[in-house]
Amino acid sequence: MNVRWTRRAEADLTDQCDHIAKEDPALAARIGADIFATVEGLSDFPFRGRAGRVDGTRELVLAGLPWIAVYAVTDSTVIILRLLHGAQTYPGEEA
């Protein structure tokens, strides 16, 4: 199964890594690579994540990291919709 990142999800990953890189560029590179590899693993196990808060989505909590990958599964593709930090208010929810 293919994994495709939306522009918004790519921007989420870039923003998170840029934020970390201000303090530790090497750590940002490692975390970015870990996130990418974990999310790309959905190609083999697309239903590994829990049912999402939004109908038609799933959520993969990234082990050992404070991020959640929000994604949707079609017949042939896993579409990464967002990469959210666990401390963020979920889109559409009030704080």
PDB file of N, CA and C in Angstrom:
ATOM      1  N   MET A   1       0.851  -1.173   0.000  1.00  0.00           N
ATOM      2  CA  MET A   1       0.000   0.000   0.000  1.00  0.00           C
ATOM      3  C   MET A   1       0.900   1.240   0.000  1.00  0.00           C
ATOM      4  N   ASN A   2       0.520   2.244  -0.762  1.00  0.00           N
ATOM      5  CA  ASN A   2       1.285   3.487  -0.833  1.00  0.00           C
ATOM      6  C   ASN A   2       0.941   4.392   0.343  1.00  0.00           C
ATOM      7  N   VAL A   3       1.906   5.212   0.744  1.00  0.00           N
ATOM      8  CA  VAL A   3       1.672   6.239   1.756  1.00  0.00           C
ATOM      9  C   VAL A   3       1.872   7.587   1.075  1.00  0.00           C
ATOM     10  N   ARG A   4       0.885   8.463   1.205  1.00  0.00           N
ATOM     11  CA  ARG A   4       0.972   9.796   0.613  1.00  0.00           C
ATOM     12  C   ARG A   4       0.720  10.833   1.706  1.00  0.00           C
ATOM     13  N   TRP A   5       1.617  11.792   1.798  1.00  0.00           N
ATOM     14  CA  TRP A   5       1.488  12.876   2.769  1.00  0.00           C
ATOM     15  C   TRP A   5       0.799  14.061   2.097  1.00  0.00           C
ATOM     16  N   THR A   6      -0.197  14.640   2.754  1.00  0.00           N
ATOM     17  CA  THR A   6      -0.778  15.881   2.249  1.00  0.00           C
ATOM     18  C   THR A   6       0.214  17.013   2.496  1.00  0.00           C
ATOM     19  N   ARG A   7       0.027  18.104   1.800  1.00  0.00           N
ATOM     20  CA  ARG A   7       0.903  19.266   2.020  1.00  0.00           C
ATOM     21  C   ARG A   7       0.824  19.731   3.464  1.00  0.00           C
ATOM     22  N   ARG A   8      -0.365  19.680   4.040  1.00  0.00           N
ATOM     23  CA  ARG A   8      -0.538  20.115   5.426  1.00  0.00           C
ATOM     24  C   ARG A   8       0.253  19.217   6.374  1.00  0.00           C
ATOM     25  N   ALA A   9       0.210  17.913   6.154  1.00  0.00           N
ATOM     26  CA  ALA A   9       0.961  16.983   7.003  1.00  0.00           C
ATOM     27  C   ALA A   9       2.463  17.194   6.836  1.00  0.00           C
ATOM     28  N   GLU A  10       2.911  17.412   5.597  1.00  0.00           N
ATOM     29  CA  GLU A  10       4.331  17.699   5.363  1.00  0.00           C
ATOM     30  C   GLU A  10       4.741  18.972   6.098  1.00  0.00           C
ATOM     31  N   ALA A  11       3.877  19.993   6.051  1.00  0.00           N
ATOM     32  CA  ALA A  11       4.164  21.248   6.750  1.00  0.00           C
ATOM     33  C   ALA A  11       4.199  21.032   8.260  1.00  0.00           C
ATOM     34  N   ASP A  12       3.299  20.201   8.776  1.00  0.00           N
ATOM     35  CA  ASP A  12       3.314  19.882  10.206  1.00  0.00           C
ATOM     36  C   ASP A  12       4.656  19.280  10.608  1.00  0.00           C
ATOM     37  N   LEU A  13       5.140  18.310   9.827  1.00  0.00           N
ATOM     38  CA  LEU A  13       6.417  17.661  10.134  1.00  0.00           C
ATOM     39  C   LEU A  13       7.553  18.671  10.066  1.00  0.00           C
ATOM     40  N   THR A  14       7.575  19.480   9.026  1.00  0.00           N
ATOM     41  CA  THR A  14       8.621  20.494   8.877  1.00  0.00           C
ATOM     42  C   THR A  14       8.588  21.481  10.034  1.00  0.00           C
ATOM     43  N   ASP A  15       7.404  21.950  10.397  1.00  0.00           N
ATOM     44  CA  ASP A  15       7.276  22.906  11.502  1.00  0.00           C
ATOM     45  C   ASP A  15       7.776  22.316  12.814  1.00  0.00           C
ATOM     46  N   GLN A  16       7.408  21.062  13.090  1.00  0.00           N
ATOM     47  CA  GLN A  16       7.846  20.418  14.331  1.00  0.00           C
ATOM     48  C   GLN A  16       9.369  20.284  14.361  1.00  0.00           C
ATOM     49  N   CYS A  17       9.941  19.851  13.250  1.00  0.00           N
ATOM     50  CA  CYS A  17      11.398  19.676  13.188  1.00  0.00           C
ATOM     51  C   CYS A  17      12.122  21.016  13.267  1.00  0.00           C
ATOM     52  N   ASP A  18      11.592  22.038  12.609  1.00  0.00           N
ATOM     53  CA  ASP A  18      12.198  23.370  12.678  1.00  0.00           C
ATOM     54  C   ASP A  18      12.200  23.893  14.107  1.00  0.00           C
ATOM     55  N   HIS A  19      11.119  23.647  14.829  1.00  0.00           N
ATOM     56  CA  HIS A  19      11.026  24.091  16.221  1.00  0.00           C
ATOM     57  C   HIS A  19      12.100  23.405  17.075  1.00  0.00           C
ATOM     58  N   ILE A  20      12.260  22.113  16.914  1.00  0.00           N
ATOM     59  CA  ILE A  20      13.268  21.365  17.675  1.00  0.00           C
ATOM     60  C   ILE A  20      14.671  21.787  17.266  1.00  0.00           C
ATOM     61  N   ALA A  21      14.870  22.047  15.976  1.00  0.00           N
ATOM     62  CA  ALA A  21      16.200  22.384  15.451  1.00  0.00           C
ATOM     63  C   ALA A  21      16.743  23.685  16.033  1.00  0.00           C
ATOM     64  N   LYS A  22      15.881  24.548  16.526  1.00  0.00           N
ATOM     65  CA  LYS A  22      16.350  25.789  17.150  1.00  0.00           C
ATOM     66  C   LYS A  22      17.233  25.489  18.350  1.00  0.00           C
ATOM     67  N   GLU A  23      16.941  24.395  19.038  1.00  0.00           N
ATOM     68  CA  GLU A  23      17.710  24.000  20.217  1.00  0.00           C
ATOM     69  C   GLU A  23      18.736  22.915  19.913  1.00  0.00           C
ATOM     70  N   ASP A  24      18.381  21.982  19.022  1.00  0.00           N
ATOM     71  CA  ASP A  24      19.251  20.830  18.767  1.00  0.00           C
ATOM     72  C   ASP A  24      19.007  20.288  17.355  1.00  0.00           C
ATOM     73  N   PRO A  25      19.766  20.786  16.378  1.00  0.00           N
ATOM     74  CA  PRO A  25      19.559  20.351  14.991  1.00  0.00           C
ATOM     75  C   PRO A  25      19.712  18.844  14.784  1.00  0.00           C
ATOM     76  N   ALA A  26      20.661  18.230  15.464  1.00  0.00           N
ATOM     77  CA  ALA A  26      20.866  16.785  15.295  1.00  0.00           C
ATOM     78  C   ALA A  26      19.657  16.007  15.819  1.00  0.00           C
ATOM     79  N   LEU A  27      19.127  16.437  16.940  1.00  0.00           N
ATOM     80  CA  LEU A  27      17.940  15.787  17.497  1.00  0.00           C
ATOM     81  C   LEU A  27      16.751  15.953  16.550  1.00  0.00           C
ATOM     82  N   ALA A  28      16.605  17.126  15.983  1.00  0.00           N
ATOM     83  CA  ALA A  28      15.512  17.372  15.040  1.00  0.00           C
ATOM     84  C   ALA A  28      15.602  16.428  13.849  1.00  0.00           C
ATOM     85  N   ALA A  29      16.804  16.219  13.343  1.00  0.00           N
ATOM     86  CA  ALA A  29      16.986  15.310  12.201  1.00  0.00           C
ATOM     87  C   ALA A  29      16.621  13.878  12.581  1.00  0.00           C
ATOM     88  N   ARG A  30      17.046  13.443  13.773  1.00  0.00           N
ATOM     89  CA  ARG A  30      16.731  12.078  14.224  1.00  0.00           C
ATOM     90  C   ARG A  30      15.230  11.894  14.429  1.00  0.00           C
ATOM     91  N   ILE A  31      14.607  12.861  15.080  1.00  0.00           N
ATOM     92  CA  ILE A  31      13.171  12.754  15.333  1.00  0.00           C
ATOM     93  C   ILE A  31      12.401  12.782  14.024  1.00  0.00           C
ATOM     94  N   GLY A  32      12.788  13.660  13.121  1.00  0.00           N
ATOM     95  CA  GLY A  32      12.126  13.718  11.816  1.00  0.00           C
ATOM     96  C   GLY A  32      12.221  12.398  11.081  1.00  0.00           C
ATOM     97  N   ALA A  33      13.401  11.795  11.105  1.00  0.00           N
ATOM     98  CA  ALA A  33      13.589  10.498  10.443  1.00  0.00           C
ATOM     99  C   ALA A  33      12.764   9.411  11.127  1.00  0.00           C
ATOM    100  N   ASP A  34      12.714   9.433  12.464  1.00  0.00           N
ATOM    101  CA  ASP A  34      11.925   8.440  13.206  1.00  0.00           C
ATOM    102  C   ASP A  34      10.432   8.573  12.900  1.00  0.00           C
ATOM    103  N   ILE A  35       9.947   9.807  12.893  1.00  0.00           N
ATOM    104  CA  ILE A  35       8.531  10.032  12.585  1.00  0.00           C
ATOM    105  C   ILE A  35       8.227   9.532  11.183  1.00  0.00           C
ATOM    106  N   PHE A  36       9.056   9.921  10.226  1.00  0.00           N
ATOM    107  CA  PHE A  36       8.825   9.538   8.834  1.00  0.00           C
ATOM    108  C   PHE A  36       8.817   8.018   8.690  1.00  0.00           C
ATOM    109  N   ALA A  37       9.802   7.343   9.280  1.00  0.00           N
ATOM    110  CA  ALA A  37       9.892   5.883   9.162  1.00  0.00           C
ATOM    111  C   ALA A  37       8.686   5.200   9.808  1.00  0.00           C
ATOM    112  N   THR A  38       8.278   5.678  10.972  1.00  0.00           N
ATOM    113  CA  THR A  38       7.133   5.081  11.659  1.00  0.00           C
ATOM    114  C   THR A  38       5.861   5.249  10.844  1.00  0.00           C
ATOM    115  N   VAL A  39       5.643   6.446  10.336  1.00  0.00           N
ATOM    116  CA  VAL A  39       4.437   6.709   9.551  1.00  0.00           C
ATOM    117  C   VAL A  39       4.464   5.920   8.244  1.00  0.00           C
ATOM    118  N   GLU A  40       5.604   5.841   7.601  1.00  0.00           N
ATOM    119  CA  GLU A  40       5.709   5.075   6.359  1.00  0.00           C
ATOM    120  C   GLU A  40       5.431   3.590   6.598  1.00  0.00           C
ATOM    121  N   GLY A  41       5.645   3.114   7.837  1.00  0.00           N
ATOM    122  CA  GLY A  41       5.335   1.732   8.183  1.00  0.00           C
ATOM    123  C   GLY A  41       3.855   1.398   8.062  1.00  0.00           C
ATOM    124  N   LEU A  42       3.021   2.423   7.988  1.00  0.00           N
ATOM    125  CA  LEU A  42       1.591   2.179   7.779  1.00  0.00           C
ATOM    126  C   LEU A  42       1.326   1.520   6.433  1.00  0.00           C
ATOM    127  N   SER A  43       2.292   1.559   5.531  1.00  0.00           N
ATOM    128  CA  SER A  43       2.111   0.897   4.231  1.00  0.00           C
ATOM    129  C   SER A  43       1.915  -0.604   4.415  1.00  0.00           C
ATOM    130  N   ASP A  44       2.533  -1.176   5.436  1.00  0.00           N
ATOM    131  CA  ASP A  44       2.402  -2.610   5.708  1.00  0.00           C
ATOM    132  C   ASP A  44       1.241  -2.930   6.651  1.00  0.00           C
ATOM    133  N   PHE A  45       0.946  -2.010   7.556  1.00  0.00           N
ATOM    134  CA  PHE A  45      -0.107  -2.228   8.555  1.00  0.00           C
ATOM    135  C   PHE A  45      -0.993  -0.983   8.648  1.00  0.00           C
ATOM    136  N   PRO A  46      -1.823  -0.734   7.641  1.00  0.00           N
ATOM    137  CA  PRO A  46      -2.580   0.519   7.594  1.00  0.00           C
ATOM    138  C   PRO A  46      -3.621   0.689   8.699  1.00  0.00           C
ATOM    139  N   PHE A  47      -4.037  -0.385   9.326  1.00  0.00           N
ATOM    140  CA  PHE A  47      -5.055  -0.271  10.370  1.00  0.00           C
ATOM    141  C   PHE A  47      -4.452  -0.376  11.770  1.00  0.00           C
ATOM    142  N   ARG A  48      -3.141  -0.160  11.855  1.00  0.00           N
ATOM    143  CA  ARG A  48      -2.434  -0.218  13.125  1.00  0.00           C
ATOM    144  C   ARG A  48      -2.913   0.861  14.092  1.00  0.00           C
ATOM    145  N   GLY A  49      -3.256   2.023  13.581  1.00  0.00           N
ATOM    146  CA  GLY A  49      -3.714   3.113  14.435  1.00  0.00           C
ATOM    147  C   GLY A  49      -5.146   2.906  14.901  1.00  0.00           C
ATOM    148  N   ARG A  50      -5.506   3.643  15.929  1.00  0.00           N
ATOM    149  CA  ARG A  50      -6.867   3.572  16.480  1.00  0.00           C
ATOM    150  C   ARG A  50      -7.839   4.327  15.572  1.00  0.00           C
ATOM    151  N   ALA A  51      -9.127   4.063  15.762  1.00  0.00           N
ATOM    152  CA  ALA A  51     -10.152   4.826  15.046  1.00  0.00           C
ATOM    153  C   ALA A  51     -10.006   6.296  15.420  1.00  0.00           C
ATOM    154  N   GLY A  52     -10.125   7.172  14.433  1.00  0.00           N
ATOM    155  CA  GLY A  52      -9.922   8.598  14.660  1.00  0.00           C
ATOM    156  C   GLY A  52     -11.127   9.288  15.269  1.00  0.00           C
ATOM    157  N   ARG A  53     -10.890  10.493  15.760  1.00  0.00           N
ATOM    158  CA  ARG A  53     -11.968  11.302  16.333  1.00  0.00           C
ATOM    159  C   ARG A  53     -12.899  11.834  15.252  1.00  0.00           C
ATOM    160  N   VAL A  54     -12.391  11.909  14.032  1.00  0.00           N
ATOM    161  CA  VAL A  54     -13.192  12.358  12.890  1.00  0.00           C
ATOM    162  C   VAL A  54     -13.532  11.125  12.062  1.00  0.00           C
ATOM    163  N   ASP A  55     -14.800  10.976  11.696  1.00  0.00           N
ATOM    164  CA  ASP A  55     -15.220   9.821  10.897  1.00  0.00           C
ATOM    165  C   ASP A  55     -14.332   9.660   9.671  1.00  0.00           C
ATOM    166  N   GLY A  56     -13.966   8.418   9.394  1.00  0.00           N
ATOM    167  CA  GLY A  56     -13.166   8.114   8.219  1.00  0.00           C
ATOM    168  C   GLY A  56     -11.681   8.291   8.406  1.00  0.00           C
ATOM    169  N   THR A  57     -11.259   8.621   9.634  1.00  0.00           N
ATOM    170  CA  THR A  57      -9.827   8.776   9.893  1.00  0.00           C
ATOM    171  C   THR A  57      -9.363   7.763  10.926  1.00  0.00           C
ATOM    172  N   ARG A  58      -8.056   7.635  10.990  1.00  0.00           N
ATOM    173  CA  ARG A  58      -7.403   6.820  12.002  1.00  0.00           C
ATOM    174  C   ARG A  58      -6.299   7.674  12.605  1.00  0.00           C
ATOM    175  N   GLU A  59      -5.819   7.276  13.794  1.00  0.00           N
ATOM    176  CA  GLU A  59      -4.774   8.022  14.486  1.00  0.00           C
ATOM    177  C   GLU A  59      -3.693   7.059  14.955  1.00  0.00           C
ATOM    178  N   LEU A  60      -2.474   7.360  14.581  1.00  0.00           N
ATOM    179  CA  LEU A  60      -1.333   6.570  15.029  1.00  0.00           C
ATOM    180  C   LEU A  60      -0.568   7.391  16.055  1.00  0.00           C
ATOM    181  N   VAL A  61      -0.602   6.938  17.309  1.00  0.00           N
ATOM    182  CA  VAL A  61       0.179   7.579  18.362  1.00  0.00           C
ATOM    183  C   VAL A  61       1.611   7.089  18.185  1.00  0.00           C
ATOM    184  N   LEU A  62       2.535   8.026  18.033  1.00  0.00           N
ATOM    185  CA  LEU A  62       3.923   7.661  17.765  1.00  0.00           C
ATOM    186  C   LEU A  62       4.614   7.316  19.079  1.00  0.00           C
ATOM    187  N   ALA A  63       4.946   6.048  19.252  1.00  0.00           N
ATOM    188  CA  ALA A  63       5.516   5.537  20.502  1.00  0.00           C
ATOM    189  C   ALA A  63       6.765   6.319  20.896  1.00  0.00           C
ATOM    190  N   GLY A  64       6.781   6.757  22.145  1.00  0.00           N
ATOM    191  CA  GLY A  64       7.936   7.461  22.675  1.00  0.00           C
ATOM    192  C   GLY A  64       8.050   8.903  22.218  1.00  0.00           C
ATOM    193  N   LEU A  65       7.090   9.363  21.438  1.00  0.00           N
ATOM    194  CA  LEU A  65       7.103  10.736  20.931  1.00  0.00           C
ATOM    195  C   LEU A  65       5.739  11.369  21.197  1.00  0.00           C
ATOM    196  N   PRO A  66       5.690  12.688  21.326  1.00  0.00           N
ATOM    197  CA  PRO A  66       4.412  13.330  21.656  1.00  0.00           C
ATOM    198  C   PRO A  66       3.552  13.704  20.444  1.00  0.00           C
ATOM    199  N   TRP A  67       3.633  12.927  19.368  1.00  0.00           N
ATOM    200  CA  TRP A  67       2.883  13.264  18.157  1.00  0.00           C
ATOM    201  C   TRP A  67       1.883  12.180  17.786  1.00  0.00           C
ATOM    202  N   ILE A  68       0.853  12.621  17.083  1.00  0.00           N
ATOM    203  CA  ILE A  68      -0.187  11.734  16.572  1.00  0.00           C
ATOM    204  C   ILE A  68      -0.297  11.982  15.075  1.00  0.00           C
ATOM    205  N   ALA A  69      -0.185  10.922  14.291  1.00  0.00           N
ATOM    206  CA  ALA A  69      -0.395  11.022  12.849  1.00  0.00           C
ATOM    207  C   ALA A  69      -1.862  10.718  12.575  1.00  0.00           C
ATOM    208  N   VAL A  70      -2.549  11.659  11.961  1.00  0.00           N
ATOM    209  CA  VAL A  70      -3.953  11.486  11.589  1.00  0.00           C
ATOM    210  C   VAL A  70      -3.966  11.106  10.115  1.00  0.00           C
ATOM    211  N   TYR A  71      -4.658  10.009   9.791  1.00  0.00           N
ATOM    212  CA  TYR A  71      -4.613   9.521   8.415  1.00  0.00           C
ATOM    213  C   TYR A  71      -5.921   8.865   8.010  1.00  0.00           C
ATOM    214  N   ALA A  72      -6.046   8.664   6.711  1.00  0.00           N
ATOM    215  CA  ALA A  72      -7.199   7.964   6.140  1.00  0.00           C
ATOM    216  C   ALA A  72      -6.671   6.839   5.264  1.00  0.00           C
ATOM    217  N   VAL A  73      -7.457   5.782   5.137  1.00  0.00           N
ATOM    218  CA  VAL A  73      -7.062   4.623   4.334  1.00  0.00           C
ATOM    219  C   VAL A  73      -8.056   4.469   3.186  1.00  0.00           C
ATOM    220  N   THR A  74      -7.519   4.383   1.965  1.00  0.00           N
ATOM    221  CA  THR A  74      -8.347   4.076   0.799  1.00  0.00           C
ATOM    222  C   THR A  74      -7.994   2.653   0.360  1.00  0.00           C
ATOM    223  N   ASP A  75      -8.507   2.233  -0.779  1.00  0.00           N
ATOM    224  CA  ASP A  75      -8.214   0.881  -1.267  1.00  0.00           C
ATOM    225  C   ASP A  75      -6.731   0.636  -1.480  1.00  0.00           C
ATOM    226  N   SER A  76      -5.995   1.667  -1.887  1.00  0.00           N
ATOM    227  CA  SER A  76      -4.593   1.454  -2.238  1.00  0.00           C
ATOM    228  C   SER A  76      -3.623   2.425  -1.583  1.00  0.00           C
ATOM    229  N   THR A  77      -4.133   3.371  -0.789  1.00  0.00           N
ATOM    230  CA  THR A  77      -3.269   4.428  -0.269  1.00  0.00           C
ATOM    231  C   THR A  77      -3.598   4.768   1.176  1.00  0.00           C
ATOM    232  N   VAL A  78      -2.548   5.025   1.953  1.00  0.00           N
ATOM    233  CA  VAL A  78      -2.684   5.620   3.278  1.00  0.00           C
ATOM    234  C   VAL A  78      -2.376   7.103   3.078  1.00  0.00           C
ATOM    235  N   ILE A  79      -3.325   7.957   3.415  1.00  0.00           N
ATOM    236  CA  ILE A  79      -3.161   9.394   3.219  1.00  0.00           C
ATOM    237  C   ILE A  79      -2.928  10.039   4.580  1.00  0.00           C
ATOM    238  N   ILE A  80      -1.733  10.595   4.770  1.00  0.00           N
ATOM    239  CA  ILE A  80      -1.397  11.258   6.024  1.00  0.00           C
ATOM    240  C   ILE A  80      -1.983  12.666   5.959  1.00  0.00           C
ATOM    241  N   LEU A  81      -2.929  12.940   6.850  1.00  0.00           N
ATOM    242  CA  LEU A  81      -3.662  14.202   6.825  1.00  0.00           C
ATOM    243  C   LEU A  81      -3.015  15.280   7.680  1.00  0.00           C
ATOM    244  N   ARG A  82      -2.570  14.899   8.875  1.00  0.00           N
ATOM    245  CA  ARG A  82      -1.966  15.851   9.813  1.00  0.00           C
ATOM    246  C   ARG A  82      -0.970  15.113  10.689  1.00  0.00           C
ATOM    247  N   LEU A  83      -0.041  15.870  11.243  1.00  0.00           N
ATOM    248  CA  LEU A  83       0.855  15.390  12.280  1.00  0.00           C
ATOM    249  C   LEU A  83       0.699  16.379  13.425  1.00  0.00           C
ATOM    250  N   LEU A  84       0.031  15.953  14.485  1.00  0.00           N
ATOM    251  CA  LEU A  84      -0.315  16.847  15.583  1.00  0.00           C
ATOM    252  C   LEU A  84       0.491  16.525  16.826  1.00  0.00           C
ATOM    253  N   HIS A  85       0.923  17.571  17.529  1.00  0.00           N
ATOM    254  CA  HIS A  85       1.577  17.393  18.821  1.00  0.00           C
ATOM    255  C   HIS A  85       0.487  17.083  19.838  1.00  0.00           C
ATOM    256  N   GLY A  86       0.765  16.175  20.744  1.00  0.00           N
ATOM    257  CA  GLY A  86      -0.225  15.762  21.733  1.00  0.00           C
ATOM    258  C   GLY A  86      -0.745  16.895  22.600  1.00  0.00           C
ATOM    259  N   ALA A  87       0.029  17.982  22.734  1.00  0.00           N
ATOM    260  CA  ALA A  87      -0.403  19.115  23.548  1.00  0.00           C
ATOM    261  C   ALA A  87      -1.275  20.097  22.765  1.00  0.00           C
ATOM    262  N   GLN A  88      -1.382  19.894  21.446  1.00  0.00           N
ATOM    263  CA  GLN A  88      -2.213  20.775  20.630  1.00  0.00           C
ATOM    264  C   GLN A  88      -3.687  20.474  20.853  1.00  0.00           C
ATOM    265  N   THR A  89      -4.506  21.498  20.711  1.00  0.00           N
ATOM    266  CA  THR A  89      -5.945  21.283  20.676  1.00  0.00           C
ATOM    267  C   THR A  89      -6.260  20.635  19.340  1.00  0.00           C
ATOM    268  N   TYR A  90      -7.026  19.578  19.374  1.00  0.00           N
ATOM    269  CA  TYR A  90      -7.374  18.863  18.148  1.00  0.00           C
ATOM    270  C   TYR A  90      -8.204  19.780  17.264  1.00  0.00           C
ATOM    271  N   PRO A  91      -7.908  19.837  15.961  1.00  0.00           N
ATOM    272  CA  PRO A  91      -8.682  20.713  15.072  1.00  0.00           C
ATOM    273  C   PRO A  91     -10.184  20.458  15.205  1.00  0.00           C
ATOM    274  N   GLY A  92     -10.933  21.541  15.387  1.00  0.00           N
ATOM    275  CA  GLY A  92     -12.382  21.427  15.523  1.00  0.00           C
ATOM    276  C   GLY A  92     -12.859  21.308  16.961  1.00  0.00           C
ATOM    277  N   GLU A  93     -11.931  21.107  17.898  1.00  0.00           N
ATOM    278  CA  GLU A  93     -12.311  21.007  19.307  1.00  0.00           C
ATOM    279  C   GLU A  93     -11.983  22.314  20.011  1.00  0.00           C
ATOM    280  N   GLU A  94     -12.820  22.712  20.926  1.00  0.00           N
ATOM    281  CA  GLU A  94     -12.578  23.916  21.712  1.00  0.00           C
ATOM    282  C   GLU A  94     -11.641  23.583  22.862  1.00  0.00           C
ATOM    283  N   ALA A  95     -10.835  24.557  23.234  1.00  0.00           N
ATOM    284  CA  ALA A  95      -9.881  24.358  24.334  1.00  0.00           C
ATOM    285  C   ALA A  95     -10.587  24.384  25.671  1.00  0.00           C
TER     286      ALA A  95
END
